[in-house]
Amino acid sequence: PAEPVAPQIAVQRVQFDGPVQAIDRVLLKANGLIVPGHPVTGLMEEFRIVKRQLLKSVRAGADGPRADLAQRILVCSPLPNEGKTFCATNLALALATERDCEVVLVDADVAKPSILSLLGLPKGPGLMDALANPAIAIEDCVIATDIAGLYVLPAGNPTHADSEYLASVRTGEVLARLTQGAPERVLIFDSPPALAASPAADLAHHVGQALVVIRA
């Protein structure tokens, strides 16, 4: 007799259903960031090259045992003021232009969060709130933007135990939910400087790729 076939269990896709917030295009331009809908610039071409390599690794790991790790990219730098937030934000903007890709830009620099102010988005609960309080669903913290395919997860309220929260088992469960049922979704983490704060090393355990930014 034929071997019984195990039933396929459908994984419910986690959606981000909050109100859509507008990204401030004037702020993008003032900060030297990629402006969606504007003519292609040298900056956009540079990040196209970077994103192609990263997406290649994401897709290569899609059939592996930890496909969720392949979907997570850590952007870090050894020291402060080397341009990691600039690169993380531009990378997210570049990835959002892909036809078959969604991107969640995660502000994981809890001590000095800057993503919301950089994009002109309102403050709200974020990553640390969901890690600290199991009653908070991480998807409810994600901000949908008026740039198709781009979502932002704020850092949340500051805490003196950020390293301990990020090193906990719950962090893996929370991050897995962000890509649950969405194999085309990529998480970009803007982390603290690796040599200045411990959370970067904690986050590194939860990602499949790391992009290290070093100022020339």
N, C-alpha and C. Protein backbone atom coordinates (compact mmCIF):
# COMPACT_ATOMS: atom_id res chain seq x y z
N PRO A 1 0.84 -1.21 0.00
CA PRO A 1 0.00 0.00 0.00
C PRO A 1 0.87 1.25 0.00
N ALA A 2 0.33 2.30 -0.58
CA ALA A 2 1.08 3.57 -0.65
C ALA A 2 1.21 4.18 0.73
N GLU A 3 2.35 4.86 0.93
CA GLU A 3 2.57 5.55 2.21
C GLU A 3 1.55 6.68 2.36
N PRO A 4 0.96 6.83 3.55
CA PRO A 4 0.02 7.94 3.75
C PRO A 4 0.74 9.29 3.63
N VAL A 5 0.09 10.25 3.02
CA VAL A 5 0.67 11.58 2.82
C VAL A 5 0.21 12.49 3.95
N ALA A 6 1.17 13.11 4.59
CA ALA A 6 0.82 14.02 5.68
C ALA A 6 0.07 15.23 5.13
N PRO A 7 -1.00 15.64 5.78
CA PRO A 7 -1.78 16.78 5.28
C PRO A 7 -0.97 18.07 5.36
N GLN A 8 -1.14 18.92 4.35
CA GLN A 8 -0.46 20.22 4.33
C GLN A 8 -1.27 21.20 5.17
N ILE A 9 -0.60 21.82 6.10
CA ILE A 9 -1.28 22.80 6.96
C ILE A 9 -0.99 24.20 6.44
N ALA A 10 -2.03 24.91 6.07
CA ALA A 10 -1.86 26.26 5.54
C ALA A 10 -1.46 27.21 6.67
N VAL A 11 -0.42 27.99 6.41
CA VAL A 11 0.04 28.97 7.40
C VAL A 11 -0.65 30.30 7.10
N GLN A 12 -1.34 30.82 8.09
CA GLN A 12 -2.08 32.06 7.88
C GLN A 12 -1.10 33.23 7.74
N ARG A 13 -1.30 34.01 6.70
CA ARG A 13 -0.45 35.17 6.44
C ARG A 13 -0.73 36.28 7.43
N VAL A 14 0.32 36.80 8.04
CA VAL A 14 0.17 37.93 8.95
C VAL A 14 0.14 39.22 8.12
N GLN A 15 -0.93 39.97 8.29
CA GLN A 15 -1.12 41.22 7.55
C GLN A 15 -0.86 42.42 8.46
N PHE A 16 -0.54 43.53 7.84
CA PHE A 16 -0.36 44.79 8.57
C PHE A 16 -1.52 45.71 8.16
N ASP A 17 -2.52 45.76 9.02
CA ASP A 17 -3.77 46.41 8.64
C ASP A 17 -3.99 47.78 9.25
N GLY A 18 -2.96 48.37 9.81
CA GLY A 18 -3.11 49.70 10.40
C GLY A 18 -3.32 50.77 9.35
N PRO A 19 -3.68 51.98 9.79
CA PRO A 19 -3.88 53.09 8.83
C PRO A 19 -2.60 53.42 8.08
N VAL A 20 -2.75 53.79 6.84
CA VAL A 20 -1.60 54.13 6.00
C VAL A 20 -1.10 55.53 6.36
N GLN A 21 0.20 55.64 6.60
CA GLN A 21 0.82 56.92 6.94
C GLN A 21 1.68 57.40 5.77
N ALA A 22 1.67 58.71 5.54
CA ALA A 22 2.41 59.28 4.42
C ALA A 22 3.88 59.50 4.78
N ILE A 23 4.76 59.09 3.89
CA ILE A 23 6.19 59.38 4.02
C ILE A 23 6.44 60.79 3.51
N ASP A 24 7.21 61.56 4.24
CA ASP A 24 7.52 62.94 3.86
C ASP A 24 8.60 62.95 2.77
N ARG A 25 8.18 63.16 1.52
CA ARG A 25 9.14 63.15 0.41
C ARG A 25 10.15 64.29 0.50
N VAL A 26 9.72 65.42 1.06
CA VAL A 26 10.64 66.56 1.22
C VAL A 26 11.77 66.18 2.17
N LEU A 27 11.43 65.48 3.25
CA LEU A 27 12.44 65.01 4.20
C LEU A 27 13.38 64.00 3.54
N LEU A 28 12.83 63.11 2.73
CA LEU A 28 13.67 62.14 2.03
C LEU A 28 14.73 62.86 1.21
N LYS A 29 14.29 63.83 0.43
CA LYS A 29 15.21 64.57 -0.43
C LYS A 29 16.22 65.36 0.39
N ALA A 30 15.75 65.99 1.47
CA ALA A 30 16.64 66.81 2.31
C ALA A 30 17.71 65.96 2.98
N ASN A 31 17.39 64.71 3.27
CA ASN A 31 18.34 63.81 3.92
C ASN A 31 19.16 63.00 2.93
N GLY A 32 19.02 63.29 1.66
CA GLY A 32 19.81 62.60 0.64
C GLY A 32 19.39 61.19 0.39
N LEU A 33 18.13 60.87 0.71
CA LEU A 33 17.63 59.51 0.54
C LEU A 33 16.97 59.32 -0.83
N ILE A 34 16.75 58.08 -1.20
CA ILE A 34 16.04 57.77 -2.43
C ILE A 34 14.60 58.27 -2.32
N VAL A 35 14.13 58.96 -3.36
CA VAL A 35 12.75 59.46 -3.37
C VAL A 35 11.95 58.65 -4.39
N PRO A 36 11.02 57.81 -3.94
CA PRO A 36 10.24 56.99 -4.87
C PRO A 36 9.51 57.84 -5.90
N GLY A 37 9.52 57.38 -7.13
CA GLY A 37 8.84 58.10 -8.19
C GLY A 37 9.68 59.14 -8.89
N HIS A 38 10.82 59.50 -8.31
CA HIS A 38 11.72 60.46 -8.94
C HIS A 38 12.62 59.75 -9.95
N PRO A 39 13.25 60.50 -10.84
CA PRO A 39 14.17 59.87 -11.81
C PRO A 39 15.26 59.07 -11.10
N VAL A 40 15.70 58.01 -11.76
CA VAL A 40 16.74 57.14 -11.19
C VAL A 40 18.05 57.92 -11.05
N THR A 41 18.63 57.85 -9.86
CA THR A 41 19.88 58.55 -9.57
C THR A 41 21.02 57.56 -9.40
N GLY A 42 22.24 58.09 -9.28
CA GLY A 42 23.39 57.24 -9.01
C GLY A 42 23.23 56.50 -7.70
N LEU A 43 22.62 57.17 -6.71
CA LEU A 43 22.38 56.52 -5.41
C LEU A 43 21.47 55.32 -5.57
N MET A 44 20.39 55.49 -6.33
CA MET A 44 19.46 54.38 -6.55
C MET A 44 20.16 53.22 -7.25
N GLU A 45 21.01 53.51 -8.21
CA GLU A 45 21.74 52.45 -8.92
C GLU A 45 22.66 51.69 -7.97
N GLU A 46 23.31 52.42 -7.07
CA GLU A 46 24.21 51.77 -6.11
C GLU A 46 23.45 50.80 -5.21
N PHE A 47 22.27 51.23 -4.74
CA PHE A 47 21.49 50.35 -3.86
C PHE A 47 20.79 49.25 -4.64
N ARG A 48 20.58 49.44 -5.93
CA ARG A 48 20.09 48.33 -6.76
C ARG A 48 21.12 47.20 -6.78
N ILE A 49 22.38 47.57 -6.90
CA ILE A 49 23.45 46.57 -6.92
C ILE A 49 23.49 45.81 -5.60
N VAL A 50 23.39 46.55 -4.50
CA VAL A 50 23.43 45.93 -3.17
C VAL A 50 22.23 45.01 -2.97
N LYS A 51 21.03 45.49 -3.34
CA LYS A 51 19.83 44.71 -3.06
C LYS A 51 19.79 43.43 -3.89
N ARG A 52 20.36 43.46 -5.10
CA ARG A 52 20.36 42.26 -5.93
C ARG A 52 21.12 41.12 -5.25
N GLN A 53 22.26 41.45 -4.64
CA GLN A 53 23.04 40.43 -3.94
C GLN A 53 22.30 39.90 -2.72
N LEU A 54 21.66 40.79 -2.00
CA LEU A 54 20.94 40.38 -0.80
C LEU A 54 19.72 39.52 -1.16
N LEU A 55 18.98 39.92 -2.19
CA LEU A 55 17.81 39.16 -2.62
C LEU A 55 18.21 37.78 -3.14
N LYS A 56 19.38 37.71 -3.76
CA LYS A 56 19.88 36.42 -4.24
C LYS A 56 20.04 35.46 -3.07
N SER A 57 20.57 35.94 -1.96
CA SER A 57 20.75 35.10 -0.78
C SER A 57 19.41 34.78 -0.12
N VAL A 58 18.48 35.74 -0.13
CA VAL A 58 17.15 35.49 0.43
C VAL A 58 16.48 34.35 -0.32
N ARG A 59 16.54 34.41 -1.64
CA ARG A 59 15.87 33.38 -2.46
C ARG A 59 16.59 32.04 -2.39
N ALA A 60 17.91 32.08 -2.23
CA ALA A 60 18.66 30.83 -2.11
C ALA A 60 18.30 30.09 -0.83
N GLY A 61 17.97 30.83 0.20
CA GLY A 61 17.63 30.21 1.48
C GLY A 61 16.15 29.93 1.65
N ALA A 62 15.34 30.28 0.64
CA ALA A 62 13.89 30.16 0.76
C ALA A 62 13.42 28.72 0.96
N ASP A 63 14.16 27.76 0.42
CA ASP A 63 13.75 26.35 0.53
C ASP A 63 14.47 25.63 1.67
N GLY A 64 15.27 26.36 2.42
CA GLY A 64 16.01 25.75 3.52
C GLY A 64 15.18 25.61 4.77
N PRO A 65 15.75 24.97 5.80
CA PRO A 65 15.01 24.75 7.05
C PRO A 65 14.73 26.03 7.82
N ARG A 66 15.53 27.08 7.58
CA ARG A 66 15.30 28.36 8.26
C ARG A 66 15.13 29.47 7.24
N ALA A 67 14.09 29.35 6.44
CA ALA A 67 13.81 30.37 5.42
C ALA A 67 13.53 31.72 6.06
N ASP A 68 12.97 31.69 7.29
CA ASP A 68 12.66 32.96 7.96
C ASP A 68 13.94 33.75 8.26
N LEU A 69 15.04 33.05 8.58
CA LEU A 69 16.31 33.75 8.82
C LEU A 69 16.81 34.39 7.54
N ALA A 70 16.64 33.71 6.42
CA ALA A 70 17.10 34.24 5.14
C ALA A 70 16.39 35.55 4.80
N GLN A 71 15.20 35.74 5.33
CA GLN A 71 14.42 36.94 5.05
C GLN A 71 14.80 38.13 5.93
N ARG A 72 15.76 37.94 6.83
CA ARG A 72 16.13 39.01 7.77
C ARG A 72 17.56 39.49 7.49
N ILE A 73 17.71 40.80 7.34
CA ILE A 73 19.01 41.40 7.02
C ILE A 73 19.35 42.44 8.08
N LEU A 74 20.49 42.28 8.71
CA LEU A 74 20.96 43.22 9.73
C LEU A 74 21.90 44.23 9.09
N VAL A 75 21.60 45.51 9.25
CA VAL A 75 22.49 46.57 8.78
C VAL A 75 23.14 47.20 10.00
N CYS A 76 24.45 47.04 10.10
CA CYS A 76 25.15 47.55 11.29
C CYS A 76 26.45 48.23 10.87
N SER A 77 27.11 48.82 11.84
CA SER A 77 28.41 49.45 11.62
C SER A 77 29.23 49.25 12.88
N PRO A 78 30.55 49.32 12.77
CA PRO A 78 31.36 49.18 13.98
C PRO A 78 31.13 50.33 14.98
N LEU A 79 31.08 51.56 14.46
CA LEU A 79 31.02 52.75 15.31
C LEU A 79 29.86 53.65 14.90
N PRO A 80 29.48 54.60 15.76
CA PRO A 80 28.41 55.54 15.40
C PRO A 80 28.81 56.44 14.23
N ASN A 81 27.79 57.00 13.58
CA ASN A 81 27.97 58.02 12.53
C ASN A 81 28.75 57.52 11.31
N GLU A 82 28.57 56.23 10.99
CA GLU A 82 29.21 55.69 9.79
C GLU A 82 28.22 55.49 8.64
N GLY A 83 26.94 55.83 8.88
CA GLY A 83 25.98 55.80 7.78
C GLY A 83 25.08 54.57 7.73
N LYS A 84 24.98 53.82 8.83
CA LYS A 84 24.17 52.59 8.76
C LYS A 84 22.68 52.89 8.60
N THR A 85 22.18 53.91 9.29
CA THR A 85 20.75 54.25 9.16
C THR A 85 20.45 54.76 7.75
N PHE A 86 21.35 55.55 7.21
CA PHE A 86 21.24 56.03 5.83
C PHE A 86 21.17 54.84 4.87
N CYS A 87 22.03 53.86 5.07
CA CYS A 87 22.06 52.69 4.19
C CYS A 87 20.85 51.79 4.41
N ALA A 88 20.46 51.58 5.66
CA ALA A 88 19.30 50.72 5.95
C ALA A 88 18.03 51.31 5.33
N THR A 89 17.87 52.62 5.46
CA THR A 89 16.67 53.28 4.92
C THR A 89 16.66 53.25 3.40
N ASN A 90 17.78 53.56 2.79
CA ASN A 90 17.86 53.51 1.33
C ASN A 90 17.67 52.10 0.80
N LEU A 91 18.21 51.13 1.51
CA LEU A 91 18.05 49.73 1.10
C LEU A 91 16.57 49.34 1.14
N ALA A 92 15.88 49.75 2.20
CA ALA A 92 14.45 49.45 2.31
C ALA A 92 13.66 50.13 1.19
N LEU A 93 13.99 51.38 0.89
CA LEU A 93 13.31 52.11 -0.19
C LEU A 93 13.56 51.45 -1.53
N ALA A 94 14.79 50.97 -1.74
CA ALA A 94 15.13 50.30 -3.00
C ALA A 94 14.41 48.96 -3.12
N LEU A 95 14.34 48.21 -2.02
CA LEU A 95 13.66 46.91 -2.04
C LEU A 95 12.16 47.06 -2.28
N ALA A 96 11.58 48.16 -1.78
CA ALA A 96 10.14 48.37 -1.94
C ALA A 96 9.75 48.55 -3.41
N THR A 97 10.70 48.89 -4.26
CA THR A 97 10.39 49.06 -5.69
C THR A 97 10.29 47.73 -6.43
N GLU A 98 10.74 46.64 -5.79
CA GLU A 98 10.64 45.32 -6.41
C GLU A 98 9.17 44.94 -6.58
N ARG A 99 8.86 44.31 -7.69
CA ARG A 99 7.47 43.96 -7.99
C ARG A 99 6.95 42.82 -7.12
N ASP A 100 7.83 41.97 -6.64
CA ASP A 100 7.40 40.80 -5.87
C ASP A 100 8.04 40.78 -4.49
N CYS A 101 8.09 41.94 -3.86
CA CYS A 101 8.78 42.03 -2.56
C CYS A 101 8.08 43.04 -1.65
N GLU A 102 7.95 42.70 -0.38
CA GLU A 102 7.55 43.64 0.65
C GLU A 102 8.73 43.79 1.60
N VAL A 103 8.87 44.94 2.20
CA VAL A 103 9.98 45.16 3.12
C VAL A 103 9.48 45.84 4.38
N VAL A 104 9.97 45.35 5.52
CA VAL A 104 9.68 45.98 6.80
C VAL A 104 11.00 46.55 7.33
N LEU A 105 11.07 47.86 7.45
CA LEU A 105 12.25 48.53 7.99
C LEU A 105 12.09 48.61 9.50
N VAL A 106 12.95 47.90 10.22
CA VAL A 106 12.84 47.80 11.68
C VAL A 106 13.88 48.71 12.33
N ASP A 107 13.40 49.66 13.13
CA ASP A 107 14.32 50.52 13.88
C ASP A 107 14.70 49.77 15.16
N ALA A 108 15.85 49.10 15.11
CA ALA A 108 16.31 48.32 16.26
C ALA A 108 17.38 49.05 17.07
N ASP A 109 17.64 50.31 16.72
CA ASP A 109 18.57 51.12 17.50
C ASP A 109 17.78 51.78 18.62
N VAL A 110 17.48 51.00 19.64
CA VAL A 110 16.54 51.41 20.67
C VAL A 110 17.02 52.63 21.45
N ALA A 111 18.31 52.72 21.68
CA ALA A 111 18.85 53.84 22.46
C ALA A 111 18.78 55.16 21.69
N LYS A 112 18.95 55.09 20.37
CA LYS A 112 18.92 56.31 19.55
C LYS A 112 18.10 56.07 18.28
N PRO A 113 16.81 55.84 18.42
CA PRO A 113 15.98 55.59 17.24
C PRO A 113 15.86 56.85 16.37
N SER A 114 15.89 56.68 15.06
CA SER A 114 15.83 57.85 14.18
C SER A 114 15.01 57.63 12.92
N ILE A 115 14.56 56.40 12.68
CA ILE A 115 13.86 56.08 11.44
C ILE A 115 12.58 56.91 11.29
N LEU A 116 11.78 57.02 12.34
CA LEU A 116 10.51 57.73 12.24
C LEU A 116 10.71 59.19 11.89
N SER A 117 11.66 59.84 12.56
CA SER A 117 11.91 61.26 12.26
C SER A 117 12.51 61.44 10.88
N LEU A 118 13.28 60.46 10.43
CA LEU A 118 13.90 60.53 9.11
C LEU A 118 12.85 60.46 8.00
N LEU A 119 11.78 59.72 8.25
CA LEU A 119 10.73 59.53 7.24
C LEU A 119 9.50 60.40 7.48
N GLY A 120 9.49 61.13 8.60
CA GLY A 120 8.34 61.98 8.90
C GLY A 120 7.12 61.21 9.35
N LEU A 121 7.34 60.09 10.09
CA LEU A 121 6.25 59.24 10.55
C LEU A 121 5.93 59.50 12.02
N PRO A 122 4.69 59.30 12.44
CA PRO A 122 4.32 59.55 13.85
C PRO A 122 4.89 58.47 14.77
N LYS A 123 5.11 58.86 16.02
CA LYS A 123 5.60 57.92 17.01
C LYS A 123 4.50 56.94 17.40
N GLY A 124 4.93 55.77 17.83
CA GLY A 124 3.97 54.76 18.26
C GLY A 124 4.68 53.60 18.90
N PRO A 125 3.94 52.61 19.37
CA PRO A 125 4.56 51.42 19.98
C PRO A 125 5.37 50.66 18.94
N GLY A 126 6.36 49.90 19.40
CA GLY A 126 7.22 49.21 18.45
C GLY A 126 7.80 47.92 18.98
N LEU A 127 8.98 47.60 18.49
CA LEU A 127 9.62 46.31 18.76
C LEU A 127 9.77 46.03 20.24
N MET A 128 10.33 46.97 20.99
CA MET A 128 10.58 46.71 22.40
C MET A 128 9.31 46.55 23.20
N ASP A 129 8.24 47.25 22.80
CA ASP A 129 6.96 47.10 23.50
C ASP A 129 6.41 45.70 23.32
N ALA A 130 6.51 45.17 22.09
CA ALA A 130 6.01 43.82 21.82
C ALA A 130 6.85 42.76 22.52
N LEU A 131 8.16 43.00 22.65
CA LEU A 131 9.01 42.05 23.35
C LEU A 131 8.75 42.06 24.86
N ALA A 132 8.46 43.24 25.39
CA ALA A 132 8.26 43.37 26.83
C ALA A 132 6.87 42.95 27.28
N ASN A 133 5.90 43.05 26.38
CA ASN A 133 4.51 42.79 26.76
C ASN A 133 3.87 41.79 25.80
N PRO A 134 3.68 40.54 26.22
CA PRO A 134 3.10 39.52 25.34
C PRO A 134 1.69 39.85 24.86
N ALA A 135 1.03 40.80 25.53
CA ALA A 135 -0.33 41.17 25.11
C ALA A 135 -0.32 42.05 23.86
N ILE A 136 0.86 42.58 23.49
CA ILE A 136 0.97 43.45 22.32
C ILE A 136 1.37 42.60 21.11
N ALA A 137 0.54 42.59 20.09
CA ALA A 137 0.85 41.86 18.86
C ALA A 137 1.81 42.70 18.01
N ILE A 138 2.89 42.10 17.57
CA ILE A 138 3.90 42.83 16.83
C ILE A 138 3.34 43.44 15.55
N GLU A 139 2.39 42.74 14.90
CA GLU A 139 1.84 43.27 13.65
C GLU A 139 1.04 44.56 13.86
N ASP A 140 0.53 44.75 15.09
CA ASP A 140 -0.21 45.97 15.39
C ASP A 140 0.71 47.18 15.55
N CYS A 141 2.00 46.92 15.69
CA CYS A 141 2.98 48.00 15.84
C CYS A 141 3.55 48.47 14.50
N VAL A 142 3.36 47.67 13.46
CA VAL A 142 3.94 47.98 12.15
C VAL A 142 3.14 49.09 11.47
N ILE A 143 3.85 50.08 10.95
CA ILE A 143 3.23 51.21 10.26
C ILE A 143 3.21 50.93 8.76
N ALA A 144 2.02 50.95 8.17
CA ALA A 144 1.90 50.86 6.71
C ALA A 144 2.15 52.26 6.14
N THR A 145 2.90 52.35 5.05
CA THR A 145 3.20 53.66 4.47
C THR A 145 2.54 53.80 3.10
N ASP A 146 2.54 55.02 2.59
CA ASP A 146 1.96 55.25 1.26
C ASP A 146 2.94 54.92 0.14
N ILE A 147 4.09 54.35 0.48
CA ILE A 147 5.00 53.80 -0.53
C ILE A 147 4.68 52.31 -0.63
N ALA A 148 4.20 51.88 -1.78
CA ALA A 148 3.77 50.49 -1.94
C ALA A 148 4.88 49.52 -1.56
N GLY A 149 4.55 48.56 -0.70
CA GLY A 149 5.51 47.54 -0.31
C GLY A 149 6.41 47.90 0.84
N LEU A 150 6.31 49.13 1.37
CA LEU A 150 7.19 49.57 2.46
C LEU A 150 6.41 49.71 3.76
N TYR A 151 6.92 49.02 4.79
CA TYR A 151 6.36 49.11 6.14
C TYR A 151 7.48 49.46 7.10
N VAL A 152 7.11 50.06 8.23
CA VAL A 152 8.11 50.48 9.22
C VAL A 152 7.69 49.98 10.60
N LEU A 153 8.64 49.37 11.30
CA LEU A 153 8.42 48.96 12.69
C LEU A 153 9.26 49.86 13.59
N PRO A 154 8.63 50.72 14.39
CA PRO A 154 9.38 51.60 15.29
C PRO A 154 10.15 50.82 16.35
N ALA A 155 11.10 51.52 16.98
CA ALA A 155 11.86 50.89 18.06
C ALA A 155 11.00 50.66 19.29
N GLY A 156 10.04 51.56 19.51
CA GLY A 156 9.19 51.46 20.69
C GLY A 156 9.76 52.23 21.86
N ASN A 157 9.16 52.07 23.01
CA ASN A 157 9.59 52.80 24.20
C ASN A 157 10.95 52.31 24.69
N PRO A 158 11.83 53.24 25.07
CA PRO A 158 13.17 52.84 25.52
C PRO A 158 13.13 52.02 26.80
N THR A 159 14.13 51.17 26.96
CA THR A 159 14.23 50.32 28.14
C THR A 159 15.69 50.11 28.46
N HIS A 160 15.98 49.87 29.73
CA HIS A 160 17.35 49.58 30.14
C HIS A 160 17.68 48.10 29.97
N ALA A 161 16.70 47.31 29.55
CA ALA A 161 16.91 45.87 29.41
C ALA A 161 16.79 45.45 27.93
N ASP A 162 17.17 46.34 27.01
CA ASP A 162 17.00 46.02 25.60
C ASP A 162 17.80 44.79 25.19
N SER A 163 19.03 44.66 25.68
CA SER A 163 19.86 43.51 25.33
C SER A 163 19.24 42.21 25.84
N GLU A 164 18.70 42.25 27.06
CA GLU A 164 18.09 41.05 27.65
C GLU A 164 16.83 40.64 26.88
N TYR A 165 16.03 41.62 26.48
CA TYR A 165 14.83 41.30 25.70
C TYR A 165 15.21 40.70 24.35
N LEU A 166 16.21 41.28 23.68
CA LEU A 166 16.60 40.80 22.36
C LEU A 166 17.23 39.41 22.41
N ALA A 167 17.82 39.06 23.55
CA ALA A 167 18.45 37.75 23.70
C ALA A 167 17.46 36.68 24.15
N SER A 168 16.20 37.05 24.39
CA SER A 168 15.21 36.11 24.91
C SER A 168 14.62 35.25 23.80
N VAL A 169 14.01 34.15 24.20
CA VAL A 169 13.35 33.24 23.26
C VAL A 169 12.20 33.95 22.55
N ARG A 170 11.53 34.84 23.25
CA ARG A 170 10.38 35.54 22.68
C ARG A 170 10.76 36.34 21.43
N THR A 171 11.99 36.84 21.36
CA THR A 171 12.39 37.62 20.20
C THR A 171 12.26 36.81 18.92
N GLY A 172 12.72 35.57 18.95
CA GLY A 172 12.60 34.71 17.78
C GLY A 172 11.15 34.49 17.38
N GLU A 173 10.27 34.32 18.37
CA GLU A 173 8.85 34.10 18.10
C GLU A 173 8.21 35.35 17.49
N VAL A 174 8.58 36.51 18.02
CA VAL A 174 8.02 37.77 17.52
C VAL A 174 8.48 38.05 16.09
N LEU A 175 9.76 37.85 15.84
CA LEU A 175 10.29 38.12 14.49
C LEU A 175 9.73 37.14 13.47
N ALA A 176 9.53 35.89 13.88
CA ALA A 176 8.95 34.90 12.97
C ALA A 176 7.55 35.30 12.55
N ARG A 177 6.83 35.94 13.43
CA ARG A 177 5.46 36.36 13.10
C ARG A 177 5.46 37.44 12.02
N LEU A 178 6.49 38.26 11.97
CA LEU A 178 6.54 39.34 10.98
C LEU A 178 6.57 38.82 9.55
N THR A 179 7.09 37.61 9.36
CA THR A 179 7.15 37.05 8.00
C THR A 179 6.27 35.81 7.86
N GLN A 180 5.42 35.55 8.84
CA GLN A 180 4.58 34.35 8.80
C GLN A 180 3.66 34.38 7.58
N GLY A 181 3.73 33.34 6.76
CA GLY A 181 2.88 33.25 5.58
C GLY A 181 3.22 34.24 4.48
N ALA A 182 4.36 34.90 4.58
CA ALA A 182 4.74 35.93 3.59
C ALA A 182 6.19 35.71 3.16
N PRO A 183 6.44 34.72 2.29
CA PRO A 183 7.81 34.41 1.88
C PRO A 183 8.49 35.51 1.09
N GLU A 184 7.70 36.45 0.57
CA GLU A 184 8.29 37.54 -0.22
C GLU A 184 8.64 38.76 0.64
N ARG A 185 8.40 38.66 1.95
CA ARG A 185 8.62 39.80 2.85
C ARG A 185 10.04 39.75 3.42
N VAL A 186 10.73 40.89 3.36
CA VAL A 186 12.11 41.00 3.85
C VAL A 186 12.14 41.99 5.02
N LEU A 187 12.88 41.62 6.07
CA LEU A 187 13.05 42.51 7.23
C LEU A 187 14.43 43.13 7.17
N ILE A 188 14.48 44.45 7.27
CA ILE A 188 15.75 45.19 7.33
C ILE A 188 15.87 45.78 8.73
N PHE A 189 16.91 45.39 9.46
CA PHE A 189 17.12 45.89 10.83
C PHE A 189 18.20 46.96 10.84
N ASP A 190 17.83 48.15 11.31
CA ASP A 190 18.83 49.19 11.56
C ASP A 190 19.27 49.02 13.01
N SER A 191 20.48 48.50 13.21
CA SER A 191 20.91 48.13 14.56
C SER A 191 21.82 49.19 15.17
N PRO A 192 22.06 49.10 16.47
CA PRO A 192 23.06 49.99 17.09
C PRO A 192 24.45 49.63 16.58
N PRO A 193 25.43 50.53 16.74
CA PRO A 193 26.82 50.21 16.35
C PRO A 193 27.33 49.00 17.12
N ALA A 194 28.00 48.10 16.43
CA ALA A 194 28.40 46.83 17.01
C ALA A 194 29.41 46.97 18.15
N LEU A 195 30.31 47.96 18.04
CA LEU A 195 31.34 48.12 19.06
C LEU A 195 30.93 49.08 20.18
N ALA A 196 29.75 49.67 20.03
CA ALA A 196 29.31 50.65 21.03
C ALA A 196 28.17 50.13 21.90
N ALA A 197 27.49 49.07 21.45
CA ALA A 197 26.34 48.56 22.20
C ALA A 197 26.17 47.07 21.92
N SER A 198 25.69 46.33 22.92
CA SER A 198 25.55 44.88 22.78
C SER A 198 24.37 44.41 21.95
N PRO A 199 23.28 45.18 21.80
CA PRO A 199 22.12 44.66 21.05
C PRO A 199 22.44 44.22 19.62
N ALA A 200 23.44 44.80 18.98
CA ALA A 200 23.78 44.38 17.62
C ALA A 200 24.18 42.91 17.60
N ALA A 201 24.96 42.48 18.58
CA ALA A 201 25.36 41.07 18.66
C ALA A 201 24.17 40.18 18.99
N ASP A 202 23.25 40.67 19.82
CA ASP A 202 22.05 39.90 20.14
C ASP A 202 21.19 39.71 18.89
N LEU A 203 21.03 40.78 18.12
CA LEU A 203 20.22 40.71 16.90
C LEU A 203 20.84 39.78 15.86
N ALA A 204 22.16 39.72 15.85
CA ALA A 204 22.86 38.91 14.85
C ALA A 204 22.46 37.44 14.92
N HIS A 205 22.01 36.99 16.08
CA HIS A 205 21.58 35.59 16.23
C HIS A 205 20.24 35.33 15.55
N HIS A 206 19.54 36.40 15.17
CA HIS A 206 18.19 36.25 14.64
C HIS A 206 18.10 36.57 13.15
N VAL A 207 19.23 36.77 12.49
CA VAL A 207 19.22 37.14 11.07
C VAL A 207 20.02 36.15 10.25
N GLY A 208 19.77 36.17 8.93
CA GLY A 208 20.50 35.29 8.04
C GLY A 208 21.59 36.00 7.27
N GLN A 209 21.52 37.34 7.23
CA GLN A 209 22.54 38.12 6.51
C GLN A 209 22.87 39.37 7.33
N ALA A 210 24.10 39.83 7.17
CA ALA A 210 24.51 41.09 7.80
C ALA A 210 25.22 41.95 6.79
N LEU A 211 24.82 43.22 6.76
CA LEU A 211 25.48 44.21 5.90
C LEU A 211 26.22 45.17 6.82
N VAL A 212 27.54 45.18 6.72
CA VAL A 212 28.36 46.02 7.59
C VAL A 212 28.74 47.28 6.84
N VAL A 213 28.41 48.43 7.42
CA VAL A 213 28.69 49.72 6.80
C VAL A 213 29.89 50.34 7.47
N ILE A 214 30.90 50.64 6.68
CA ILE A 214 32.12 51.26 7.20
C ILE A 214 32.38 52.54 6.42
N ARG A 215 32.45 53.65 7.13
CA ARG A 215 32.66 54.92 6.45
C ARG A 215 34.06 54.98 5.88
N ALA A 216 34.16 55.31 4.60
CA ALA A 216 35.48 55.40 3.94
C ALA A 216 36.23 56.62 4.46
